[in-house]
N, C-alpha and C. Protein backbone atom coordinates (compact mmCIF):
# COMPACT_ATOMS: atom_id res chain seq x y z
N MET A 1 -51.49 77.51 -34.42
CA MET A 1 -52.10 77.18 -35.70
C MET A 1 -52.70 75.78 -35.59
N THR A 2 -53.94 75.72 -36.16
CA THR A 2 -54.61 74.45 -36.11
C THR A 2 -54.29 73.64 -37.35
N ALA A 3 -53.82 72.36 -37.19
CA ALA A 3 -53.46 71.52 -38.33
C ALA A 3 -54.70 70.93 -38.95
N SER A 4 -54.61 70.70 -40.26
CA SER A 4 -55.73 70.11 -40.97
C SER A 4 -55.77 68.61 -40.73
N ALA A 5 -56.84 67.98 -41.15
CA ALA A 5 -57.01 66.54 -40.96
C ALA A 5 -55.96 65.75 -41.74
N GLU A 6 -55.62 66.23 -42.95
CA GLU A 6 -54.63 65.53 -43.77
C GLU A 6 -53.24 65.59 -43.11
N GLU A 7 -52.91 66.75 -42.60
CA GLU A 7 -51.61 66.91 -41.94
C GLU A 7 -51.52 66.01 -40.70
N LEU A 8 -52.62 65.97 -39.94
CA LEU A 8 -52.64 65.10 -38.76
C LEU A 8 -52.46 63.63 -39.17
N ALA A 9 -53.06 63.22 -40.26
CA ALA A 9 -52.93 61.84 -40.72
C ALA A 9 -51.49 61.53 -41.12
N ARG A 10 -50.87 62.48 -41.88
CA ARG A 10 -49.48 62.25 -42.28
C ARG A 10 -48.55 62.20 -41.07
N LEU A 11 -48.87 63.06 -40.09
CA LEU A 11 -48.04 63.10 -38.88
C LEU A 11 -48.11 61.76 -38.13
N ARG A 12 -49.34 61.20 -38.05
CA ARG A 12 -49.47 59.91 -37.36
C ARG A 12 -48.73 58.80 -38.12
N GLU A 13 -48.74 58.85 -39.46
CA GLU A 13 -48.02 57.86 -40.24
C GLU A 13 -46.51 57.92 -39.98
N ARG A 14 -46.00 59.18 -39.96
CA ARG A 14 -44.56 59.32 -39.68
C ARG A 14 -44.20 58.81 -38.28
N MET A 15 -45.08 59.10 -37.30
CA MET A 15 -44.86 58.66 -35.93
C MET A 15 -44.87 57.13 -35.85
N ASP A 16 -45.82 56.54 -36.57
CA ASP A 16 -45.89 55.07 -36.60
C ASP A 16 -44.64 54.48 -37.23
N ALA A 17 -44.14 55.10 -38.29
CA ALA A 17 -42.94 54.61 -38.96
C ALA A 17 -41.72 54.72 -38.03
N ILE A 18 -41.65 55.83 -37.32
CA ILE A 18 -40.54 56.03 -36.38
C ILE A 18 -40.58 54.99 -35.27
N LEU A 19 -41.80 54.74 -34.75
CA LEU A 19 -41.95 53.75 -33.68
C LEU A 19 -41.56 52.35 -34.17
N ARG A 20 -41.99 52.01 -35.42
CA ARG A 20 -41.63 50.69 -35.95
C ARG A 20 -40.12 50.58 -36.14
N SER A 21 -39.48 51.64 -36.57
CA SER A 21 -38.03 51.63 -36.77
C SER A 21 -37.29 51.46 -35.45
N ASP A 22 -37.76 52.18 -34.43
CA ASP A 22 -37.14 52.05 -33.11
C ASP A 22 -37.30 50.65 -32.54
N SER A 23 -38.49 50.09 -32.79
CA SER A 23 -38.75 48.74 -32.28
C SER A 23 -37.85 47.71 -32.95
N ALA A 24 -37.65 47.84 -34.26
CA ALA A 24 -36.78 46.92 -34.99
C ALA A 24 -35.34 47.07 -34.54
N SER A 25 -34.93 48.32 -34.31
CA SER A 25 -33.55 48.55 -33.85
C SER A 25 -33.32 47.93 -32.48
N ALA A 26 -34.36 48.03 -31.65
CA ALA A 26 -34.22 47.46 -30.30
C ALA A 26 -34.15 45.93 -30.34
N ARG A 27 -34.92 45.34 -31.30
CA ARG A 27 -34.90 43.88 -31.39
C ARG A 27 -33.63 43.37 -32.05
N GLY A 28 -33.04 44.15 -32.92
CA GLY A 28 -31.89 43.70 -33.68
C GLY A 28 -30.75 43.20 -32.83
N PRO A 29 -30.21 43.96 -31.89
CA PRO A 29 -29.08 43.51 -31.07
C PRO A 29 -29.39 42.24 -30.29
N ARG A 30 -30.68 42.14 -29.84
CA ARG A 30 -31.01 40.94 -29.08
C ARG A 30 -30.94 39.71 -29.96
N HIS A 31 -31.40 39.83 -31.20
CA HIS A 31 -31.30 38.70 -32.12
C HIS A 31 -29.85 38.36 -32.40
N VAL A 32 -29.04 39.38 -32.59
CA VAL A 32 -27.62 39.15 -32.86
C VAL A 32 -26.97 38.46 -31.67
N GLU A 33 -27.30 38.97 -30.46
CA GLU A 33 -26.73 38.36 -29.26
C GLU A 33 -27.17 36.90 -29.14
N GLY A 34 -28.46 36.66 -29.52
CA GLY A 34 -28.95 35.28 -29.45
C GLY A 34 -28.19 34.39 -30.42
N ARG A 35 -27.93 34.93 -31.66
CA ARG A 35 -27.20 34.14 -32.64
C ARG A 35 -25.78 33.88 -32.18
N ARG A 36 -25.18 34.94 -31.60
CA ARG A 36 -23.82 34.75 -31.09
C ARG A 36 -23.78 33.73 -29.97
N ALA A 37 -24.79 33.82 -29.08
CA ALA A 37 -24.85 32.86 -27.98
C ALA A 37 -25.02 31.46 -28.51
N GLY A 38 -25.87 31.35 -29.57
CA GLY A 38 -26.09 30.04 -30.17
C GLY A 38 -24.80 29.48 -30.75
N ARG A 39 -24.02 30.39 -31.45
CA ARG A 39 -22.76 29.93 -31.99
C ARG A 39 -21.80 29.52 -30.88
N ALA A 40 -21.82 30.28 -29.79
CA ALA A 40 -20.92 29.94 -28.68
C ALA A 40 -21.29 28.60 -28.08
N GLU A 41 -22.61 28.38 -27.92
CA GLU A 41 -23.04 27.11 -27.35
C GLU A 41 -22.70 25.97 -28.29
N GLY A 42 -22.92 26.20 -29.59
CA GLY A 42 -22.62 25.16 -30.55
C GLY A 42 -21.13 24.86 -30.60
N ALA A 43 -20.31 25.91 -30.43
CA ALA A 43 -18.86 25.70 -30.47
C ALA A 43 -18.38 25.01 -29.22
N GLU A 44 -19.06 25.27 -28.09
CA GLU A 44 -18.60 24.70 -26.83
C GLU A 44 -18.77 23.19 -26.82
N GLY A 45 -19.84 22.71 -27.44
CA GLY A 45 -20.08 21.28 -27.45
C GLY A 45 -18.96 20.49 -28.09
N PRO A 46 -18.58 20.81 -29.32
CA PRO A 46 -17.49 20.08 -29.96
C PRO A 46 -16.18 20.15 -29.18
N ARG A 47 -15.92 21.35 -28.59
CA ARG A 47 -14.67 21.44 -27.82
C ARG A 47 -14.71 20.47 -26.65
N GLY A 48 -15.86 20.41 -25.97
CA GLY A 48 -15.96 19.48 -24.84
C GLY A 48 -15.82 18.05 -25.31
N SER A 49 -16.46 17.71 -26.43
CA SER A 49 -16.37 16.35 -26.93
C SER A 49 -14.95 16.03 -27.35
N SER A 50 -14.31 17.01 -28.02
CA SER A 50 -12.94 16.79 -28.46
C SER A 50 -12.03 16.61 -27.26
N GLY A 51 -12.28 17.40 -26.18
CA GLY A 51 -11.44 17.28 -24.99
C GLY A 51 -11.57 15.92 -24.37
N ALA A 52 -12.81 15.39 -24.33
CA ALA A 52 -13.00 14.07 -23.73
C ALA A 52 -12.31 13.00 -24.56
N ALA A 53 -12.38 13.14 -25.90
CA ALA A 53 -11.78 12.13 -26.77
C ALA A 53 -10.27 12.19 -26.71
N ALA A 54 -9.70 13.36 -26.32
CA ALA A 54 -8.26 13.53 -26.32
C ALA A 54 -7.60 13.01 -25.06
N GLU A 55 -8.39 12.49 -24.10
CA GLU A 55 -7.80 11.96 -22.89
C GLU A 55 -6.87 10.81 -23.25
N PRO A 56 -5.67 10.75 -22.63
CA PRO A 56 -4.69 9.75 -23.05
C PRO A 56 -5.10 8.31 -22.80
N PHE A 57 -5.86 8.06 -21.73
CA PHE A 57 -6.25 6.69 -21.41
C PHE A 57 -7.73 6.64 -21.09
N SER A 58 -8.39 5.65 -21.59
CA SER A 58 -9.77 5.41 -21.21
C SER A 58 -9.79 4.57 -19.94
N ASP A 59 -10.99 4.40 -19.35
CA ASP A 59 -11.10 3.58 -18.15
C ASP A 59 -10.63 2.16 -18.44
N GLY A 60 -10.98 1.66 -19.61
CA GLY A 60 -10.56 0.30 -19.95
C GLY A 60 -9.05 0.17 -20.05
N ALA A 61 -8.40 1.22 -20.61
CA ALA A 61 -6.94 1.18 -20.72
C ALA A 61 -6.29 1.21 -19.35
N CYS A 62 -6.85 2.02 -18.44
CA CYS A 62 -6.30 2.08 -17.09
C CYS A 62 -6.44 0.73 -16.39
N GLU A 63 -7.61 0.10 -16.56
CA GLU A 63 -7.82 -1.21 -15.94
C GLU A 63 -6.86 -2.24 -16.50
N ALA A 64 -6.63 -2.17 -17.82
CA ALA A 64 -5.71 -3.11 -18.44
C ALA A 64 -4.30 -2.90 -17.92
N GLY A 65 -3.91 -1.61 -17.76
CA GLY A 65 -2.59 -1.31 -17.23
C GLY A 65 -2.41 -1.82 -15.82
N GLY A 66 -3.46 -1.66 -14.98
CA GLY A 66 -3.40 -2.15 -13.61
C GLY A 66 -3.29 -3.66 -13.56
N ALA A 67 -4.03 -4.33 -14.44
CA ALA A 67 -3.98 -5.79 -14.48
C ALA A 67 -2.61 -6.27 -14.91
N ASP A 68 -2.00 -5.56 -15.86
CA ASP A 68 -0.66 -5.93 -16.33
C ASP A 68 0.36 -5.76 -15.21
N GLU A 69 0.24 -4.69 -14.44
CA GLU A 69 1.17 -4.47 -13.33
C GLU A 69 1.01 -5.55 -12.26
N ALA A 70 -0.22 -5.89 -11.95
CA ALA A 70 -0.48 -6.95 -10.97
C ALA A 70 0.08 -8.28 -11.46
N GLU A 71 -0.03 -8.54 -12.76
CA GLU A 71 0.52 -9.79 -13.32
C GLU A 71 2.04 -9.82 -13.18
N ARG A 72 2.69 -8.69 -13.46
CA ARG A 72 4.15 -8.63 -13.31
C ARG A 72 4.56 -8.81 -11.85
N ALA A 73 3.78 -8.24 -10.95
CA ALA A 73 4.07 -8.40 -9.52
C ALA A 73 3.93 -9.86 -9.10
N PHE A 74 2.92 -10.53 -9.63
CA PHE A 74 2.72 -11.95 -9.30
C PHE A 74 3.87 -12.80 -9.82
N ARG A 75 4.35 -12.48 -11.02
CA ARG A 75 5.47 -13.25 -11.58
C ARG A 75 6.72 -13.07 -10.72
N LYS A 76 6.88 -11.90 -10.17
CA LYS A 76 8.02 -11.66 -9.28
C LYS A 76 7.88 -12.49 -8.00
N ILE A 77 6.67 -12.55 -7.48
CA ILE A 77 6.43 -13.38 -6.29
C ILE A 77 6.75 -14.84 -6.60
N GLU A 78 6.37 -15.29 -7.78
CA GLU A 78 6.67 -16.68 -8.17
C GLU A 78 8.17 -16.95 -8.12
N ARG A 79 8.96 -16.01 -8.66
CA ARG A 79 10.41 -16.20 -8.67
C ARG A 79 10.97 -16.23 -7.25
N LEU A 80 10.47 -15.34 -6.40
CA LEU A 80 10.96 -15.30 -5.02
C LEU A 80 10.57 -16.55 -4.25
N ALA A 81 9.34 -17.01 -4.46
CA ALA A 81 8.84 -18.17 -3.72
C ALA A 81 9.50 -19.47 -4.18
N CYS A 82 10.07 -19.48 -5.37
CA CYS A 82 10.73 -20.68 -5.86
C CYS A 82 12.05 -20.93 -5.12
N SER A 83 12.63 -19.88 -4.58
CA SER A 83 13.92 -20.02 -3.91
C SER A 83 13.78 -20.26 -2.41
N ARG A 84 12.71 -19.71 -1.81
CA ARG A 84 12.51 -19.88 -0.37
C ARG A 84 11.09 -19.49 0.01
N GLU A 85 10.65 -19.93 1.19
CA GLU A 85 9.32 -19.56 1.67
C GLU A 85 9.26 -18.04 1.89
N GLN A 86 8.09 -17.48 1.63
CA GLN A 86 7.92 -16.03 1.73
C GLN A 86 6.74 -15.70 2.65
N ALA A 87 6.88 -14.61 3.39
CA ALA A 87 5.77 -14.10 4.20
C ALA A 87 5.03 -13.04 3.39
N SER A 88 3.72 -13.01 3.51
CA SER A 88 2.90 -12.09 2.70
C SER A 88 3.27 -10.62 2.95
N GLU A 89 3.48 -10.25 4.20
CA GLU A 89 3.81 -8.86 4.51
C GLU A 89 5.18 -8.50 3.97
N ALA A 90 6.14 -9.41 4.07
CA ALA A 90 7.47 -9.16 3.52
C ALA A 90 7.40 -8.97 2.00
N LEU A 91 6.51 -9.70 1.34
CA LEU A 91 6.35 -9.55 -0.12
C LEU A 91 5.76 -8.19 -0.46
N ARG A 92 4.81 -7.74 0.32
CA ARG A 92 4.23 -6.41 0.06
C ARG A 92 5.31 -5.34 0.15
N ARG A 93 6.15 -5.45 1.15
CA ARG A 93 7.23 -4.46 1.32
C ARG A 93 8.23 -4.54 0.17
N ARG A 94 8.54 -5.76 -0.25
CA ARG A 94 9.49 -5.95 -1.35
C ARG A 94 8.94 -5.36 -2.64
N LEU A 95 7.69 -5.64 -2.94
CA LEU A 95 7.08 -5.11 -4.16
C LEU A 95 7.01 -3.59 -4.14
N ALA A 96 6.73 -3.02 -2.97
CA ALA A 96 6.69 -1.55 -2.85
C ALA A 96 8.07 -0.97 -3.12
N ARG A 97 9.12 -1.60 -2.59
CA ARG A 97 10.49 -1.13 -2.83
C ARG A 97 10.85 -1.22 -4.31
N ASP A 98 10.29 -2.22 -4.99
CA ASP A 98 10.58 -2.41 -6.41
C ASP A 98 9.72 -1.53 -7.31
N GLY A 99 8.90 -0.68 -6.72
CA GLY A 99 8.16 0.30 -7.51
C GLY A 99 6.74 -0.08 -7.89
N PHE A 100 6.24 -1.19 -7.41
CA PHE A 100 4.86 -1.57 -7.72
C PHE A 100 3.89 -0.77 -6.85
N SER A 101 2.74 -0.47 -7.39
CA SER A 101 1.72 0.25 -6.64
C SER A 101 1.15 -0.64 -5.54
N ALA A 102 0.56 0.01 -4.53
CA ALA A 102 -0.03 -0.75 -3.43
C ALA A 102 -1.15 -1.65 -3.93
N GLU A 103 -1.93 -1.18 -4.91
CA GLU A 103 -3.03 -1.96 -5.44
C GLU A 103 -2.53 -3.22 -6.16
N ALA A 104 -1.49 -3.04 -6.99
CA ALA A 104 -0.95 -4.18 -7.72
C ALA A 104 -0.31 -5.20 -6.77
N ALA A 105 0.40 -4.68 -5.77
CA ALA A 105 1.04 -5.57 -4.80
C ALA A 105 0.01 -6.38 -4.02
N GLU A 106 -1.06 -5.70 -3.59
CA GLU A 106 -2.09 -6.39 -2.82
C GLU A 106 -2.78 -7.46 -3.67
N ALA A 107 -3.05 -7.12 -4.93
CA ALA A 107 -3.70 -8.08 -5.81
C ALA A 107 -2.80 -9.29 -6.06
N ALA A 108 -1.52 -9.05 -6.26
CA ALA A 108 -0.59 -10.14 -6.54
C ALA A 108 -0.40 -11.03 -5.31
N VAL A 109 -0.26 -10.41 -4.14
CA VAL A 109 -0.09 -11.19 -2.91
C VAL A 109 -1.35 -12.00 -2.61
N GLY A 110 -2.52 -11.37 -2.79
CA GLY A 110 -3.77 -12.09 -2.57
C GLY A 110 -3.90 -13.30 -3.49
N ARG A 111 -3.49 -13.13 -4.72
CA ARG A 111 -3.54 -14.25 -5.67
C ARG A 111 -2.59 -15.36 -5.26
N ALA A 112 -1.39 -14.96 -4.80
CA ALA A 112 -0.40 -15.96 -4.38
C ALA A 112 -0.87 -16.73 -3.15
N VAL A 113 -1.54 -16.04 -2.25
CA VAL A 113 -2.06 -16.70 -1.05
C VAL A 113 -3.20 -17.64 -1.41
N SER A 114 -4.09 -17.19 -2.30
CA SER A 114 -5.26 -18.00 -2.64
C SER A 114 -4.88 -19.28 -3.37
N CYS A 115 -3.79 -19.27 -4.12
CA CYS A 115 -3.39 -20.48 -4.85
C CYS A 115 -2.39 -21.32 -4.07
N GLY A 116 -2.03 -20.89 -2.85
CA GLY A 116 -1.15 -21.68 -2.01
C GLY A 116 0.33 -21.45 -2.24
N LEU A 117 0.66 -20.52 -3.12
CA LEU A 117 2.06 -20.23 -3.37
C LEU A 117 2.71 -19.59 -2.14
N VAL A 118 1.93 -18.78 -1.43
CA VAL A 118 2.40 -18.12 -0.21
C VAL A 118 1.48 -18.52 0.93
N ASP A 119 2.08 -18.90 2.04
CA ASP A 119 1.32 -19.34 3.21
C ASP A 119 2.07 -18.87 4.45
N ASP A 120 1.51 -17.94 5.19
CA ASP A 120 2.20 -17.38 6.36
C ASP A 120 2.43 -18.44 7.44
N ARG A 121 1.51 -19.36 7.60
CA ARG A 121 1.68 -20.40 8.61
C ARG A 121 2.84 -21.33 8.23
N ARG A 122 2.91 -21.67 6.96
CA ARG A 122 4.01 -22.51 6.48
C ARG A 122 5.34 -21.78 6.63
N TYR A 123 5.31 -20.49 6.32
CA TYR A 123 6.53 -19.68 6.48
C TYR A 123 6.97 -19.64 7.94
N ALA A 124 6.01 -19.46 8.85
CA ALA A 124 6.34 -19.40 10.27
C ALA A 124 6.93 -20.70 10.75
N ASP A 125 6.42 -21.83 10.28
CA ASP A 125 6.93 -23.13 10.69
C ASP A 125 8.39 -23.28 10.27
N VAL A 126 8.70 -22.87 9.02
CA VAL A 126 10.07 -22.96 8.53
C VAL A 126 10.98 -22.02 9.31
N LEU A 127 10.49 -20.80 9.58
CA LEU A 127 11.30 -19.84 10.31
C LEU A 127 11.61 -20.31 11.73
N VAL A 128 10.60 -20.87 12.40
CA VAL A 128 10.81 -21.36 13.77
C VAL A 128 11.87 -22.45 13.79
N ARG A 129 11.75 -23.40 12.87
CA ARG A 129 12.75 -24.47 12.80
C ARG A 129 14.15 -23.91 12.58
N SER A 130 14.24 -22.99 11.64
CA SER A 130 15.55 -22.43 11.29
C SER A 130 16.16 -21.65 12.44
N ARG A 131 15.35 -20.81 13.09
CA ARG A 131 15.88 -19.97 14.18
C ARG A 131 16.25 -20.81 15.40
N LEU A 132 15.47 -21.82 15.70
CA LEU A 132 15.83 -22.69 16.83
C LEU A 132 17.14 -23.42 16.57
N ALA A 133 17.33 -23.85 15.31
CA ALA A 133 18.57 -24.54 14.95
C ALA A 133 19.76 -23.59 15.03
N GLN A 134 19.53 -22.30 14.82
CA GLN A 134 20.59 -21.30 14.91
C GLN A 134 20.86 -20.86 16.35
N GLY A 135 20.11 -21.42 17.30
CA GLY A 135 20.30 -21.04 18.69
C GLY A 135 19.65 -19.73 19.07
N ARG A 136 18.61 -19.32 18.34
CA ARG A 136 17.92 -18.08 18.66
C ARG A 136 16.93 -18.31 19.80
N GLY A 137 16.71 -17.26 20.59
CA GLY A 137 15.77 -17.36 21.69
C GLY A 137 14.33 -17.23 21.22
N VAL A 138 13.42 -17.83 21.97
CA VAL A 138 12.01 -17.82 21.62
C VAL A 138 11.46 -16.40 21.58
N GLN A 139 11.87 -15.57 22.50
CA GLN A 139 11.37 -14.19 22.53
C GLN A 139 11.72 -13.46 21.25
N GLY A 140 12.93 -13.64 20.78
CA GLY A 140 13.35 -13.00 19.53
C GLY A 140 12.61 -13.55 18.33
N ILE A 141 12.35 -14.86 18.33
CA ILE A 141 11.63 -15.47 17.21
C ILE A 141 10.20 -14.92 17.14
N ARG A 142 9.57 -14.83 18.29
CA ARG A 142 8.20 -14.29 18.33
C ARG A 142 8.18 -12.84 17.85
N ALA A 143 9.17 -12.07 18.24
CA ALA A 143 9.23 -10.67 17.81
C ALA A 143 9.42 -10.57 16.30
N GLU A 144 10.22 -11.45 15.73
CA GLU A 144 10.43 -11.45 14.28
C GLU A 144 9.14 -11.77 13.54
N LEU A 145 8.40 -12.76 14.03
CA LEU A 145 7.12 -13.10 13.40
C LEU A 145 6.13 -11.95 13.52
N ALA A 146 6.09 -11.33 14.69
CA ALA A 146 5.15 -10.22 14.89
C ALA A 146 5.46 -9.06 13.96
N SER A 147 6.73 -8.81 13.67
CA SER A 147 7.11 -7.72 12.76
C SER A 147 6.60 -7.96 11.34
N LEU A 148 6.29 -9.22 11.02
CA LEU A 148 5.75 -9.57 9.70
C LEU A 148 4.24 -9.73 9.72
N GLY A 149 3.64 -9.37 10.85
CA GLY A 149 2.19 -9.47 10.95
C GLY A 149 1.68 -10.88 11.12
N ILE A 150 2.56 -11.79 11.56
CA ILE A 150 2.17 -13.19 11.76
C ILE A 150 1.97 -13.43 13.25
N GLU A 151 0.84 -13.96 13.60
CA GLU A 151 0.54 -14.25 14.99
C GLU A 151 1.55 -15.26 15.52
N PRO A 152 2.26 -14.92 16.59
CA PRO A 152 3.22 -15.89 17.16
C PRO A 152 2.54 -17.21 17.46
N PRO A 153 3.14 -18.31 17.07
CA PRO A 153 2.49 -19.61 17.23
C PRO A 153 2.45 -20.08 18.67
N CYS A 154 1.48 -20.91 18.96
CA CYS A 154 1.43 -21.54 20.28
C CYS A 154 2.40 -22.71 20.30
N GLU A 155 2.64 -23.25 21.46
CA GLU A 155 3.67 -24.29 21.61
C GLU A 155 3.41 -25.49 20.74
N ASP A 156 2.16 -25.92 20.66
CA ASP A 156 1.83 -27.13 19.93
C ASP A 156 1.44 -26.87 18.48
N GLY A 157 1.46 -25.60 18.08
CA GLY A 157 0.96 -25.27 16.75
C GLY A 157 1.97 -25.48 15.64
N PHE A 158 3.26 -25.64 16.00
CA PHE A 158 4.27 -25.76 14.96
C PHE A 158 5.21 -26.91 15.28
N ALA A 159 5.69 -27.53 14.20
CA ALA A 159 6.60 -28.67 14.39
C ALA A 159 7.91 -28.24 15.03
N GLY A 160 8.20 -26.94 14.94
CA GLY A 160 9.44 -26.46 15.51
C GLY A 160 9.46 -26.51 17.02
N GLY A 161 8.34 -26.68 17.67
CA GLY A 161 8.30 -26.80 19.11
C GLY A 161 8.59 -25.50 19.82
N LEU A 162 8.01 -24.41 19.37
CA LEU A 162 8.24 -23.10 19.99
C LEU A 162 7.59 -23.07 21.38
N SER A 163 8.43 -22.90 22.40
CA SER A 163 7.93 -22.95 23.77
C SER A 163 8.57 -21.84 24.58
N ASP A 164 7.77 -21.23 25.47
CA ASP A 164 8.26 -20.18 26.35
C ASP A 164 8.67 -20.72 27.72
N ASP A 165 8.75 -22.02 27.86
CA ASP A 165 9.11 -22.60 29.16
C ASP A 165 10.49 -22.09 29.60
N HIS A 166 10.53 -21.52 30.79
CA HIS A 166 11.76 -20.87 31.27
C HIS A 166 12.92 -21.85 31.36
N ASP A 167 12.72 -22.98 31.97
CA ASP A 167 13.81 -23.94 32.15
C ASP A 167 14.34 -24.44 30.81
N SER A 168 13.42 -24.68 29.88
CA SER A 168 13.85 -25.14 28.55
C SER A 168 14.68 -24.08 27.84
N GLU A 169 14.27 -22.83 27.99
CA GLU A 169 15.01 -21.74 27.36
C GLU A 169 16.39 -21.56 28.00
N VAL A 170 16.47 -21.72 29.33
CA VAL A 170 17.77 -21.61 30.00
C VAL A 170 18.71 -22.70 29.50
N GLU A 171 18.21 -23.91 29.31
CA GLU A 171 19.03 -25.00 28.80
C GLU A 171 19.54 -24.70 27.39
N ARG A 172 18.67 -24.16 26.57
CA ARG A 172 19.08 -23.81 25.21
C ARG A 172 20.11 -22.69 25.24
N ALA A 173 19.92 -21.71 26.12
CA ALA A 173 20.88 -20.62 26.24
C ALA A 173 22.24 -21.12 26.71
N LEU A 174 22.25 -22.06 27.65
CA LEU A 174 23.51 -22.64 28.11
C LEU A 174 24.22 -23.37 26.96
N GLY A 175 23.42 -24.02 26.11
CA GLY A 175 24.01 -24.69 24.96
C GLY A 175 24.70 -23.71 24.03
N VAL A 176 24.10 -22.52 23.84
CA VAL A 176 24.70 -21.49 23.01
C VAL A 176 26.06 -21.06 23.58
N LEU A 177 26.12 -20.85 24.90
CA LEU A 177 27.36 -20.40 25.55
C LEU A 177 28.43 -21.49 25.53
N GLU A 178 28.02 -22.73 25.66
CA GLU A 178 28.99 -23.82 25.69
C GLU A 178 29.57 -24.09 24.31
N ARG A 179 28.74 -23.90 23.27
CA ARG A 179 29.25 -24.12 21.91
C ARG A 179 30.26 -23.06 21.51
N LYS A 180 30.04 -21.85 21.96
CA LYS A 180 30.97 -20.77 21.62
C LYS A 180 31.09 -19.83 22.83
N PRO A 181 31.98 -20.17 23.78
CA PRO A 181 32.12 -19.35 24.99
C PRO A 181 32.59 -17.93 24.66
N PRO A 182 31.99 -16.92 25.29
CA PRO A 182 32.44 -15.55 25.07
C PRO A 182 33.82 -15.32 25.67
N ARG A 183 34.55 -14.39 25.09
CA ARG A 183 35.87 -14.05 25.59
C ARG A 183 35.88 -12.56 25.94
N ALA A 184 36.08 -12.27 27.19
CA ALA A 184 36.12 -10.89 27.67
C ALA A 184 36.65 -10.89 29.10
N LYS A 185 37.00 -9.73 29.58
CA LYS A 185 37.44 -9.63 30.98
C LYS A 185 36.29 -10.00 31.90
N ASN A 186 35.13 -9.48 31.62
CA ASN A 186 33.93 -9.82 32.41
C ASN A 186 33.11 -10.80 31.58
N VAL A 187 33.43 -12.08 31.69
CA VAL A 187 32.80 -13.07 30.82
C VAL A 187 31.31 -13.23 31.13
N ARG A 188 30.93 -13.02 32.37
CA ARG A 188 29.52 -13.16 32.72
C ARG A 188 28.69 -12.09 32.01
N ALA A 189 29.18 -10.86 32.04
CA ALA A 189 28.48 -9.78 31.34
C ALA A 189 28.48 -10.03 29.83
N ALA A 190 29.58 -10.54 29.32
CA ALA A 190 29.67 -10.84 27.89
C ALA A 190 28.69 -11.95 27.51
N ALA A 191 28.56 -12.95 28.41
CA ALA A 191 27.61 -14.03 28.16
C ALA A 191 26.18 -13.50 28.12
N TYR A 192 25.87 -12.62 29.05
CA TYR A 192 24.51 -12.02 29.08
C TYR A 192 24.23 -11.25 27.80
N ARG A 193 25.17 -10.44 27.36
CA ARG A 193 24.96 -9.65 26.14
C ARG A 193 24.76 -10.54 24.92
N ARG A 194 25.56 -11.61 24.83
CA ARG A 194 25.42 -12.50 23.68
C ARG A 194 24.03 -13.13 23.64
N LEU A 195 23.55 -13.56 24.77
CA LEU A 195 22.23 -14.21 24.81
C LEU A 195 21.12 -13.23 24.47
N MET A 196 21.24 -12.00 24.94
CA MET A 196 20.24 -10.98 24.60
C MET A 196 20.24 -10.73 23.09
N GLN A 197 21.43 -10.68 22.50
CA GLN A 197 21.53 -10.47 21.05
C GLN A 197 20.95 -11.65 20.27
N LYS A 198 20.97 -12.81 20.87
CA LYS A 198 20.42 -14.01 20.23
C LYS A 198 18.90 -14.10 20.36
N GLY A 199 18.31 -13.17 21.09
CA GLY A 199 16.86 -13.17 21.19
C GLY A 199 16.31 -13.83 22.43
N PHE A 200 17.16 -14.14 23.39
CA PHE A 200 16.67 -14.68 24.66
C PHE A 200 16.20 -13.53 25.54
N GLY A 201 15.20 -13.80 26.37
CA GLY A 201 14.69 -12.77 27.26
C GLY A 201 15.70 -12.43 28.36
N ALA A 202 15.44 -11.31 29.03
CA ALA A 202 16.36 -10.85 30.06
C ALA A 202 16.47 -11.84 31.21
N ALA A 203 15.36 -12.41 31.64
CA ALA A 203 15.39 -13.36 32.76
C ALA A 203 16.16 -14.62 32.39
N VAL A 204 15.94 -15.13 31.19
CA VAL A 204 16.65 -16.33 30.73
C VAL A 204 18.14 -16.02 30.58
N SER A 205 18.46 -14.88 29.99
CA SER A 205 19.86 -14.52 29.78
C SER A 205 20.60 -14.36 31.11
N THR A 206 19.94 -13.75 32.07
CA THR A 206 20.56 -13.56 33.39
C THR A 206 20.83 -14.90 34.07
N ALA A 207 19.82 -15.78 34.06
CA ALA A 207 19.97 -17.09 34.71
C ALA A 207 21.03 -17.93 34.02
N ALA A 208 21.00 -17.97 32.69
CA ALA A 208 21.96 -18.80 31.96
C ALA A 208 23.38 -18.28 32.12
N ALA A 209 23.57 -16.97 32.08
CA ALA A 209 24.91 -16.39 32.24
C ALA A 209 25.46 -16.70 33.63
N ARG A 210 24.60 -16.63 34.63
CA ARG A 210 25.05 -16.93 36.00
C ARG A 210 25.44 -18.39 36.15
N ILE A 211 24.58 -19.29 35.66
CA ILE A 211 24.86 -20.73 35.76
C ILE A 211 26.13 -21.09 35.00
N TRP A 212 26.23 -20.56 33.80
CA TRP A 212 27.41 -20.85 32.99
C TRP A 212 28.69 -20.33 33.65
N HIS A 213 28.64 -19.09 34.19
CA HIS A 213 29.81 -18.50 34.83
C HIS A 213 30.21 -19.27 36.08
N GLU A 214 29.22 -19.67 36.86
CA GLU A 214 29.52 -20.42 38.08
C GLU A 214 30.10 -21.79 37.74
N GLY A 215 29.66 -22.38 36.65
CA GLY A 215 30.19 -23.68 36.23
C GLY A 215 31.64 -23.60 35.79
N ARG A 216 32.04 -22.48 35.25
CA ARG A 216 33.41 -22.29 34.82
C ARG A 216 34.36 -22.25 36.02
N ASP A 217 33.87 -21.76 37.15
CA ASP A 217 34.71 -21.59 38.34
C ASP A 217 34.90 -22.88 39.12
N LEU A 218 34.15 -23.92 38.77
CA LEU A 218 34.25 -25.17 39.51
C LEU A 218 35.50 -25.96 39.09
């Protein structure tokens, strides 16, 4: 059957209406998704801002806390240095044992060194004098300084007169044995052990023990 012109016109109108309806339906979900995405993006911003604001410490607060810790570490160094000379490396170890951070300890020690409160060379001079007076051997004194990161002094560099001269060390070792002679069945071996414990080298300890033992037999 052939349709009339009016029927064809109405048919095209219905088809156009259907097409427009389908097009609107297709666009609808996309608009909704866009609005939802917009809400999600808008919501994400405040959450991020709120999260940043909720951080317990700002950079400035952290810096202030670090400065306060370094100040407390420095005050501790002051108290220690008032009683006796201190070595910088020994102070770092002490502060670490007391719970200070490495950064705070380094800052406090650096400050103490810069203002003259701590001086490794001055500490070494005092230590050399003290150890020599105690009858300690030069080899042991040098090892003690090296353990603190202090360059062992040269002979003329310190008032303590630190010298590696073999004959001088043997004389000092003999003085140690004469002031307090060892008591044992094998006194020569006992003399050697005592001198080694006092920080004298093996060659010095051997020579001094032999000389001392031979002198006892005369």
